[in-house]
Structure formats: C-alpha cells, structure tokens
C-alpha cells in the first residue's frame, strides 16, 4: 500500500499505480492475469495498461498471437517525473507573467495601496483580532492582536489563504453558509468556527467576516472577539464601512 501511495504522488491515479505494481509482481502476463490480480474488469485494465504503455511504464511482445505485458523498471517512474518537472519549470515564467498581467492593473495600483493602508490603520487601532484578505482570498494584513491569537508573524501569513487555520472541527455547513453570504455581499457571523493556532491548539471565538468594495476590488475583513461582544464587533464593522465610503469618494 505504501508503494502505491508513492507512485500516486508521482502523478498517477490509484488504479494506474495498482496495475503497475501488480504487473511488476507478475512479470510477463496477459491482460486477464493482471485483471485477476487487481480484481478489476479486463476492459478497465486494458485501458489503464494502454495509458501506462504511452507513458513508457508498460511494454509488450506478441507470441503465438497472444500479447504479453511487462512492467518497465521502476527507474522509469523517476525519469517521467523529472520530465514533467522540467516542463513545468519551463512553463512557470509564462504562467507567472499571465498572472501578473491579469492582476497588475487591479491590485498593484495606488488606490489599492491606499485602501490597504487605511484598513490597516483601523485594524491597528482595534482591541479585537482583525484579518484583511484581498479578492483572491490572500491575506494582506493582520493586526497584532490577531497575530498573537494565532501565534504567527505577519511575514508567515501574508499571501496565504485563511484555510490554513482550519482545525477540521468546524461543520462544513458553516463554511457553506459563509461563502453563500459573502458571495451575495452580505456579512457572515458565527460562533461555531473552531480555528487552529500555529502550535496546533484550537480555539473558538465569535467570527465576523464581511466584504468591503472599493472600485472594482473587494476586500474581506475578519474580526474575532469574545462571543458575548457582538455589539463591539458591529461597531468596528461600521468603522470599516464608513472609512471605505470616504476612500471611494
């Protein structure tokens, strides 16, 4: 099972990995023999073997009108992975350029920086934990209270997606309600979200998230506070909204 997981990590499907490993153990074999070994339909195994053949992992010879399949040596797995890695490295500059061109007119302008700087001022003045993300759900800023709560430095979280703080203990339905509200431009508030600190410990606070639009950009503000302090959260939320109106004018 461990060997199968290793092969899957090289980019192959679980079925492809299973068929390849079975073929290694069988040596020379008919499709029916391999199918019996992996307990899959012969037609399915034939498709998989053909795929592995195209990738250089399987080969065959014909004797007396019968086709015998042979798994190539495992070193081919590494060679194939290195080829894909090389292709990806060559493509990275072009992919990065595409991403930059799509974002530079939207994100890296003076108004964008002005928005972040203004939101940062409000966040730093707050006694509550505040996190700010951009429209790509990338962290732009977190105030000192938030950083202490989670145990990270700003450099460690900037550019990351907040899903890295999931504890796995929050019901999926809560996240579905959250994205449903945010996609409609509405505020989301819940006391069911359980987050995880850098040291692995969990905690539960009242979580409030709301979108703030500025021009053609959207920022998401997250505020964490004691569950009994809903009014304080609402007051801080209004501060972000009012400041945003001033920026937009």
C-alpha atoms as a PDB file:
ATOM      1  CA  UNK A   1       0.000   0.000   0.000  1.00  0.00           C
ATOM      2  CA  UNK A   2       2.894   2.341   0.797  1.00  0.00           C
ATOM      3  CA  UNK A   3       4.445   1.736  -2.636  1.00  0.00           C
ATOM      4  CA  UNK A   4       1.126   2.564  -4.285  1.00  0.00           C
ATOM      5  CA  UNK A   5       0.947   5.890  -2.421  1.00  0.00           C
ATOM      6  CA  UNK A   6       4.456   6.764  -3.584  1.00  0.00           C
ATOM      7  CA  UNK A   7       3.517   6.124  -7.221  1.00  0.00           C
ATOM      8  CA  UNK A   8       0.332   8.173  -6.834  1.00  0.00           C
ATOM      9  CA  UNK A   9       2.415  11.093  -5.544  1.00  0.00           C
ATOM     10  CA  UNK A  10       4.321  10.974  -8.824  1.00  0.00           C
ATOM     11  CA  UNK A  11       1.132  11.885 -10.658  1.00  0.00           C
ATOM     12  CA  UNK A  12      -0.539   8.550 -11.348  1.00  0.00           C
ATOM     13  CA  UNK A  13      -4.079   7.543 -10.418  1.00  0.00           C
ATOM     14  CA  UNK A  14      -4.689   4.879  -7.729  1.00  0.00           C
ATOM     15  CA  UNK A  15      -5.796   2.397 -10.415  1.00  0.00           C
ATOM     16  CA  UNK A  16      -2.763   3.080 -12.584  1.00  0.00           C
ATOM     17  CA  UNK A  17      -0.469   2.593  -9.586  1.00  0.00           C
ATOM     18  CA  UNK A  18      -2.223  -0.634  -8.632  1.00  0.00           C
ATOM     19  CA  UNK A  19      -1.991  -2.081 -12.149  1.00  0.00           C
ATOM     20  CA  UNK A  20       1.680  -1.141 -12.487  1.00  0.00           C
ATOM     21  CA  UNK A  21       2.590  -2.734  -9.151  1.00  0.00           C
ATOM     22  CA  UNK A  22       0.639  -5.891  -9.997  1.00  0.00           C
ATOM     23  CA  UNK A  23       2.449  -6.116 -13.341  1.00  0.00           C
ATOM     24  CA  UNK A  24       5.811  -5.744 -11.616  1.00  0.00           C
ATOM     25  CA  UNK A  25       4.970  -8.713  -9.432  1.00  0.00           C
ATOM     26  CA  UNK A  26       3.653 -10.869 -12.257  1.00  0.00           C
ATOM     27  CA  UNK A  27       6.494 -10.328 -14.686  1.00  0.00           C
ATOM     28  CA  UNK A  28       5.149 -11.322 -18.136  1.00  0.00           C
ATOM     29  CA  UNK A  29       1.366 -11.588 -18.118  1.00  0.00           C
ATOM     30  CA  UNK A  30      -1.809 -11.496 -20.169  1.00  0.00           C
ATOM     31  CA  UNK A  31      -4.319  -8.723 -19.551  1.00  0.00           C
ATOM     32  CA  UNK A  32      -6.616 -11.305 -17.962  1.00  0.00           C
ATOM     33  CA  UNK A  33      -3.897 -12.258 -15.471  1.00  0.00           C
ATOM     34  CA  UNK A  34      -3.365  -8.633 -14.469  1.00  0.00           C
ATOM     35  CA  UNK A  35      -7.117  -8.047 -14.217  1.00  0.00           C
ATOM     36  CA  UNK A  36      -7.447 -11.048 -11.925  1.00  0.00           C
ATOM     37  CA  UNK A  37      -4.590  -9.812  -9.757  1.00  0.00           C
ATOM     38  CA  UNK A  38      -6.020  -6.306  -9.261  1.00  0.00           C
ATOM     39  CA  UNK A  39      -9.663  -7.502  -9.203  1.00  0.00           C
ATOM     40  CA  UNK A  40     -10.799  -5.123 -11.951  1.00  0.00           C
ATOM     41  CA  UNK A  41     -12.711  -5.723 -15.204  1.00  0.00           C
ATOM     42  CA  UNK A  42     -10.462  -6.771 -18.071  1.00  0.00           C
ATOM     43  CA  UNK A  43     -11.694  -3.851 -20.215  1.00  0.00           C
ATOM     44  CA  UNK A  44     -10.739  -1.364 -17.482  1.00  0.00           C
ATOM     45  CA  UNK A  45      -7.294  -2.877 -17.061  1.00  0.00           C
ATOM     46  CA  UNK A  46      -6.727  -2.777 -20.829  1.00  0.00           C
ATOM     47  CA  UNK A  47      -7.386   0.962 -20.873  1.00  0.00           C
ATOM     48  CA  UNK A  48      -5.037   1.504 -17.925  1.00  0.00           C
ATOM     49  CA  UNK A  49      -2.289  -0.642 -19.434  1.00  0.00           C
ATOM     50  CA  UNK A  50      -2.544   1.303 -22.699  1.00  0.00           C
ATOM     51  CA  UNK A  51      -2.159   4.550 -20.725  1.00  0.00           C
ATOM     52  CA  UNK A  52       0.900   3.211 -18.920  1.00  0.00           C
ATOM     53  CA  UNK A  53       2.310   1.999 -22.230  1.00  0.00           C
ATOM     54  CA  UNK A  54       2.053   5.509 -23.670  1.00  0.00           C
ATOM     55  CA  UNK A  55       3.867   6.805 -20.583  1.00  0.00           C
ATOM     56  CA  UNK A  56       6.661   4.271 -21.016  1.00  0.00           C
ATOM     57  CA  UNK A  57       5.805   2.226 -17.937  1.00  0.00           C
ATOM     58  CA  UNK A  58       4.485  -0.883 -19.730  1.00  0.00           C
ATOM     59  CA  UNK A  59       5.673  -2.757 -22.762  1.00  0.00           C
ATOM     60  CA  UNK A  60       4.619  -5.927 -24.558  1.00  0.00           C
ATOM     61  CA  UNK A  61       5.574  -8.612 -27.043  1.00  0.00           C
ATOM     62  CA  UNK A  62       3.423 -10.938 -29.104  1.00  0.00           C
ATOM     63  CA  UNK A  63       3.891 -14.698 -29.192  1.00  0.00           C
ATOM     64  CA  UNK A  64       1.531 -17.081 -30.983  1.00  0.00           C
ATOM     65  CA  UNK A  65      -0.982 -14.295 -31.392  1.00  0.00           C
ATOM     66  CA  UNK A  66      -1.030 -13.610 -27.647  1.00  0.00           C
ATOM     67  CA  UNK A  67       0.117 -10.287 -26.221  1.00  0.00           C
ATOM     68  CA  UNK A  68       2.259 -10.446 -23.100  1.00  0.00           C
ATOM     69  CA  UNK A  69       2.604  -7.297 -20.990  1.00  0.00           C
ATOM     70  CA  UNK A  70       5.704  -6.410 -18.972  1.00  0.00           C
ATOM     71  CA  UNK A  71       6.145  -3.583 -16.462  1.00  0.00           C
ATOM     72  CA  UNK A  72       9.215  -1.455 -17.149  1.00  0.00           C
ATOM     73  CA  UNK A  73      11.777  -0.946 -14.388  1.00  0.00           C
ATOM     74  CA  UNK A  74      10.782   1.495 -11.613  1.00  0.00           C
ATOM     75  CA  UNK A  75      13.514   3.954 -12.641  1.00  0.00           C
ATOM     76  CA  UNK A  76      11.186   4.971 -15.489  1.00  0.00           C
ATOM     77  CA  UNK A  77       8.834   6.427 -12.868  1.00  0.00           C
ATOM     78  CA  UNK A  78      11.526   8.827 -11.715  1.00  0.00           C
ATOM     79  CA  UNK A  79      12.522   9.693 -15.276  1.00  0.00           C
ATOM     80  CA  UNK A  80       8.899  10.525 -16.153  1.00  0.00           C
ATOM     81  CA  UNK A  81       8.541  12.684 -13.045  1.00  0.00           C
ATOM     82  CA  UNK A  82      11.733  14.577 -13.898  1.00  0.00           C
ATOM     83  CA  UNK A  83      10.445  15.203 -17.438  1.00  0.00           C
ATOM     84  CA  UNK A  84       7.185  16.637 -16.108  1.00  0.00           C
ATOM     85  CA  UNK A  85       9.077  18.726 -13.584  1.00  0.00           C
ATOM     86  CA  UNK A  86      11.263  20.159 -16.352  1.00  0.00           C
ATOM     87  CA  UNK A  87       8.225  21.014 -18.477  1.00  0.00           C
ATOM     88  CA  UNK A  88       6.611  22.758 -15.508  1.00  0.00           C
ATOM     89  CA  UNK A  89       9.755  24.751 -14.699  1.00  0.00           C
ATOM     90  CA  UNK A  90       9.969  25.928 -18.311  1.00  0.00           C
ATOM     91  CA  UNK A  91       6.313  26.993 -18.216  1.00  0.00           C
ATOM     92  CA  UNK A  92       6.494  28.819 -14.873  1.00  0.00           C
ATOM     93  CA  UNK A  93       7.790  32.169 -16.203  1.00  0.00           C
ATOM     94  CA  UNK A  94       4.965  32.400 -18.752  1.00  0.00           C
ATOM     95  CA  UNK A  95       2.339  31.353 -16.201  1.00  0.00           C
ATOM     96  CA  UNK A  96       3.644  33.880 -13.687  1.00  0.00           C
ATOM     97  CA  UNK A  97       3.607  36.590 -16.354  1.00  0.00           C
ATOM     98  CA  UNK A  98      -0.015  35.805 -17.193  1.00  0.00           C
ATOM     99  CA  UNK A  99      -0.996  36.083 -13.535  1.00  0.00           C
ATOM    100  CA  UNK A 100       0.880  39.351 -13.103  1.00  0.00           C
ATOM    101  CA  UNK A 101      -0.669  40.928 -16.200  1.00  0.00           C
ATOM    102  CA  UNK A 102      -4.138  39.962 -15.033  1.00  0.00           C
ATOM    103  CA  UNK A 103      -3.574  41.477 -11.611  1.00  0.00           C
ATOM    104  CA  UNK A 104      -1.267  44.451 -12.021  1.00  0.00           C
ATOM    105  CA  UNK A 105      -3.952  46.832 -13.251  1.00  0.00           C
ATOM    106  CA  UNK A 106      -6.268  45.735 -10.488  1.00  0.00           C
ATOM    107  CA  UNK A 107      -4.123  45.132  -7.458  1.00  0.00           C
ATOM    108  CA  UNK A 108      -0.831  46.935  -7.611  1.00  0.00           C
ATOM    109  CA  UNK A 109      -2.025  50.494  -8.091  1.00  0.00           C
ATOM    110  CA  UNK A 110      -2.000  53.499  -5.749  1.00  0.00           C
ATOM    111  CA  UNK A 111      -5.677  53.206  -4.871  1.00  0.00           C
ATOM    112  CA  UNK A 112      -5.211  49.577  -3.869  1.00  0.00           C
ATOM    113  CA  UNK A 113      -2.361  50.512  -1.556  1.00  0.00           C
ATOM    114  CA  UNK A 114      -4.426  53.387  -0.188  1.00  0.00           C
ATOM    115  CA  UNK A 115      -7.233  51.004   0.696  1.00  0.00           C
ATOM    116  CA  UNK A 116      -4.895  48.578   2.459  1.00  0.00           C
ATOM    117  CA  UNK A 117      -3.156  51.370   4.366  1.00  0.00           C
ATOM    118  CA  UNK A 118      -6.474  52.796   5.527  1.00  0.00           C
ATOM    119  CA  UNK A 119      -7.827  49.428   6.609  1.00  0.00           C
ATOM    120  CA  UNK A 120      -4.555  48.752   8.404  1.00  0.00           C
ATOM    121  CA  UNK A 121      -4.939  51.946  10.416  1.00  0.00           C
ATOM    122  CA  UNK A 122      -8.384  50.861  11.630  1.00  0.00           C
ATOM    123  CA  UNK A 123      -7.163  47.346  12.392  1.00  0.00           C
ATOM    124  CA  UNK A 124      -4.162  48.556  14.385  1.00  0.00           C
ATOM    125  CA  UNK A 125      -6.386  50.781  16.495  1.00  0.00           C
ATOM    126  CA  UNK A 126      -8.686  47.879  17.345  1.00  0.00           C
ATOM    127  CA  UNK A 127      -8.575  45.806  20.518  1.00  0.00           C
ATOM    128  CA  UNK A 128     -10.010  42.912  18.539  1.00  0.00           C
ATOM    129  CA  UNK A 129      -8.241  40.457  16.243  1.00  0.00           C
ATOM    130  CA  UNK A 130      -8.580  41.694  12.639  1.00  0.00           C
ATOM    131  CA  UNK A 131      -7.546  39.952   9.408  1.00  0.00           C
ATOM    132  CA  UNK A 132      -7.752  41.508   5.921  1.00  0.00           C
ATOM    133  CA  UNK A 133      -7.741  39.484   2.693  1.00  0.00           C
ATOM    134  CA  UNK A 134      -7.997  40.536  -0.940  1.00  0.00           C
ATOM    135  CA  UNK A 135     -10.469  39.306  -3.573  1.00  0.00           C
ATOM    136  CA  UNK A 136      -8.265  36.245  -4.183  1.00  0.00           C
ATOM    137  CA  UNK A 137      -8.644  35.280  -0.500  1.00  0.00           C
ATOM    138  CA  UNK A 138      -4.956  36.057   0.078  1.00  0.00           C
ATOM    139  CA  UNK A 139      -4.032  37.594   3.418  1.00  0.00           C
ATOM    140  CA  UNK A 140      -2.964  41.224   3.039  1.00  0.00           C
ATOM    141  CA  UNK A 141      -2.728  42.217   6.697  1.00  0.00           C
ATOM    142  CA  UNK A 142      -3.374  41.038  10.257  1.00  0.00           C
ATOM    143  CA  UNK A 143      -3.146  43.249  13.312  1.00  0.00           C
ATOM    144  CA  UNK A 144      -1.036  42.457  16.380  1.00  0.00           C
ATOM    145  CA  UNK A 145      -3.999  41.080  18.334  1.00  0.00           C
ATOM    146  CA  UNK A 146      -4.764  38.593  15.564  1.00  0.00           C
ATOM    147  CA  UNK A 147      -1.116  37.549  15.202  1.00  0.00           C
ATOM    148  CA  UNK A 148      -0.801  36.916  18.944  1.00  0.00           C
ATOM    149  CA  UNK A 149      -4.006  34.886  18.956  1.00  0.00           C
ATOM    150  CA  UNK A 150      -2.757  32.618  16.161  1.00  0.00           C
ATOM    151  CA  UNK A 151       0.953  32.630  17.061  1.00  0.00           C
ATOM    152  CA  UNK A 152       2.239  33.724  13.649  1.00  0.00           C
ATOM    153  CA  UNK A 153       4.234  36.673  12.358  1.00  0.00           C
ATOM    154  CA  UNK A 154       2.811  38.812   9.556  1.00  0.00           C
ATOM    155  CA  UNK A 155       5.502  37.591   7.146  1.00  0.00           C
ATOM    156  CA  UNK A 156       4.421  33.989   7.751  1.00  0.00           C
ATOM    157  CA  UNK A 157       0.781  34.564   6.826  1.00  0.00           C
ATOM    158  CA  UNK A 158       0.868  37.347   4.222  1.00  0.00           C
ATOM    159  CA  UNK A 159      -0.206  35.947   0.853  1.00  0.00           C
ATOM    160  CA  UNK A 160      -1.601  32.758   2.407  1.00  0.00           C
ATOM    161  CA  UNK A 161      -5.214  31.583   2.236  1.00  0.00           C
ATOM    162  CA  UNK A 162      -7.002  31.551   5.632  1.00  0.00           C
ATOM    163  CA  UNK A 163      -7.946  27.905   5.122  1.00  0.00           C
ATOM    164  CA  UNK A 164      -4.527  27.026   6.607  1.00  0.00           C
ATOM    165  CA  UNK A 165      -6.030  27.891  10.009  1.00  0.00           C
ATOM    166  CA  UNK A 166      -8.824  25.328   9.749  1.00  0.00           C
ATOM    167  CA  UNK A 167      -8.945  22.926  12.685  1.00  0.00           C
ATOM    168  CA  UNK A 168     -11.143  20.373  10.950  1.00  0.00           C
ATOM    169  CA  UNK A 169     -13.680  20.712  13.762  1.00  0.00           C
ATOM    170  CA  UNK A 170     -15.963  23.255  12.084  1.00  0.00           C
ATOM    171  CA  UNK A 171     -19.052  21.783  10.384  1.00  0.00           C
ATOM    172  CA  UNK A 172     -18.818  22.050   6.589  1.00  0.00           C
ATOM    173  CA  UNK A 173     -22.300  23.573   6.562  1.00  0.00           C
ATOM    174  CA  UNK A 174     -20.907  26.617   8.392  1.00  0.00           C
ATOM    175  CA  UNK A 175     -18.399  27.296   5.607  1.00  0.00           C
ATOM    176  CA  UNK A 176     -21.128  26.837   3.004  1.00  0.00           C
ATOM    177  CA  UNK A 177     -23.276  29.450   4.768  1.00  0.00           C
ATOM    178  CA  UNK A 178     -20.254  31.751   4.993  1.00  0.00           C
ATOM    179  CA  UNK A 179     -19.487  31.689   1.260  1.00  0.00           C
ATOM    180  CA  UNK A 180     -23.156  31.960   0.396  1.00  0.00           C
ATOM    181  CA  UNK A 181     -23.400  35.171   2.420  1.00  0.00           C
ATOM    182  CA  UNK A 182     -20.114  36.668   1.205  1.00  0.00           C
ATOM    183  CA  UNK A 183     -20.865  35.928  -2.455  1.00  0.00           C
ATOM    184  CA  UNK A 184     -24.045  37.971  -2.027  1.00  0.00           C
ATOM    185  CA  UNK A 185     -22.120  40.839  -0.471  1.00  0.00           C
ATOM    186  CA  UNK A 186     -23.550  40.148   2.974  1.00  0.00           C
ATOM    187  CA  UNK A 187     -21.967  39.930   6.416  1.00  0.00           C
ATOM    188  CA  UNK A 188     -21.395  36.483   7.918  1.00  0.00           C
ATOM    189  CA  UNK A 189     -21.240  35.884  11.657  1.00  0.00           C
ATOM    190  CA  UNK A 190     -20.893  32.613  13.545  1.00  0.00           C
ATOM    191  CA  UNK A 191     -19.828  31.266  16.928  1.00  0.00           C
ATOM    192  CA  UNK A 192     -19.330  27.740  15.511  1.00  0.00           C
ATOM    193  CA  UNK A 193     -15.977  28.215  13.785  1.00  0.00           C
ATOM    194  CA  UNK A 194     -13.062  26.484  15.501  1.00  0.00           C
ATOM    195  CA  UNK A 195      -9.667  27.788  14.361  1.00  0.00           C
ATOM    196  CA  UNK A 196      -6.194  26.355  14.852  1.00  0.00           C
ATOM    197  CA  UNK A 197      -3.132  28.198  16.143  1.00  0.00           C
ATOM    198  CA  UNK A 198       0.391  27.707  14.836  1.00  0.00           C
ATOM    199  CA  UNK A 199       1.168  25.408  17.791  1.00  0.00           C
ATOM    200  CA  UNK A 200      -1.751  23.161  16.815  1.00  0.00           C
ATOM    201  CA  UNK A 201      -4.114  24.143  19.629  1.00  0.00           C
ATOM    202  CA  UNK A 202      -7.731  25.000  18.816  1.00  0.00           C
ATOM    203  CA  UNK A 203      -9.875  27.915  19.954  1.00  0.00           C
ATOM    204  CA  UNK A 204     -13.362  29.249  19.362  1.00  0.00           C
ATOM    205  CA  UNK A 205     -14.322  32.935  19.123  1.00  0.00           C
ATOM    206  CA  UNK A 206     -17.169  34.860  17.546  1.00  0.00           C
ATOM    207  CA  UNK A 207     -16.155  35.150  13.874  1.00  0.00           C
ATOM    208  CA  UNK A 208     -17.445  38.027  11.753  1.00  0.00           C
ATOM    209  CA  UNK A 209     -16.494  38.347   8.084  1.00  0.00           C
ATOM    210  CA  UNK A 210     -17.806  40.912   5.623  1.00  0.00           C
ATOM    211  CA  UNK A 211     -16.853  42.187   2.159  1.00  0.00           C
ATOM    212  CA  UNK A 212     -15.826  45.787   1.573  1.00  0.00           C
ATOM    213  CA  UNK A 213     -15.828  47.029  -2.018  1.00  0.00           C
ATOM    214  CA  UNK A 214     -13.541  49.756  -3.310  1.00  0.00           C
ATOM    215  CA  UNK A 215     -13.829  50.481  -7.018  1.00  0.00           C
ATOM    216  CA  UNK A 216     -13.658  47.148  -8.824  1.00  0.00           C
ATOM    217  CA  UNK A 217     -11.903  45.460  -5.902  1.00  0.00           C
ATOM    218  CA  UNK A 218     -13.290  43.533  -2.949  1.00  0.00           C
ATOM    219  CA  UNK A 219     -11.604  43.054   0.394  1.00  0.00           C
ATOM    220  CA  UNK A 220     -12.747  40.683   3.144  1.00  0.00           C
ATOM    221  CA  UNK A 221     -12.455  41.769   6.752  1.00  0.00           C
ATOM    222  CA  UNK A 222     -12.442  39.154   9.510  1.00  0.00           C
ATOM    223  CA  UNK A 223     -12.981  40.175  13.126  1.00  0.00           C
ATOM    224  CA  UNK A 224     -12.615  37.803  16.066  1.00  0.00           C
ATOM    225  CA  UNK A 225     -13.977  38.618  19.505  1.00  0.00           C
ATOM    226  CA  UNK A 226     -15.456  37.114  22.617  1.00  0.00           C
ATOM    227  CA  UNK A 227     -18.836  35.574  21.857  1.00  0.00           C
ATOM    228  CA  UNK A 228     -20.554  37.986  24.272  1.00  0.00           C
ATOM    229  CA  UNK A 229     -19.264  41.079  22.460  1.00  0.00           C
ATOM    230  CA  UNK A 230     -21.434  41.191  19.334  1.00  0.00           C
ATOM    231  CA  UNK A 231     -22.188  44.910  19.731  1.00  0.00           C
ATOM    232  CA  UNK A 232     -18.481  45.746  19.843  1.00  0.00           C
ATOM    233  CA  UNK A 233     -17.938  43.762  16.647  1.00  0.00           C
ATOM    234  CA  UNK A 234     -20.792  45.557  14.898  1.00  0.00           C
ATOM    235  CA  UNK A 235     -19.318  48.929  15.879  1.00  0.00           C
ATOM    236  CA  UNK A 236     -15.914  48.063  14.419  1.00  0.00           C
ATOM    237  CA  UNK A 237     -17.566  46.690  11.263  1.00  0.00           C
ATOM    238  CA  UNK A 238     -19.308  50.026  10.735  1.00  0.00           C
ATOM    239  CA  UNK A 239     -15.942  51.780  11.054  1.00  0.00           C
ATOM    240  CA  UNK A 240     -14.561  49.811   8.118  1.00  0.00           C
ATOM    241  CA  UNK A 241     -17.671  50.510   6.048  1.00  0.00           C
ATOM    242  CA  UNK A 242     -17.639  54.257   6.758  1.00  0.00           C
ATOM    243  CA  UNK A 243     -13.929  54.599   6.033  1.00  0.00           C
ATOM    244  CA  UNK A 244     -14.408  52.755   2.763  1.00  0.00           C
ATOM    245  CA  UNK A 245     -17.098  55.230   1.696  1.00  0.00           C
ATOM    246  CA  UNK A 246     -14.635  58.057   2.336  1.00  0.00           C
ATOM    247  CA  UNK A 247     -11.950  56.327   0.267  1.00  0.00           C
ATOM    248  CA  UNK A 248     -14.322  55.764  -2.641  1.00  0.00           C
ATOM    249  CA  UNK A 249     -15.367  59.430  -2.860  1.00  0.00           C
END
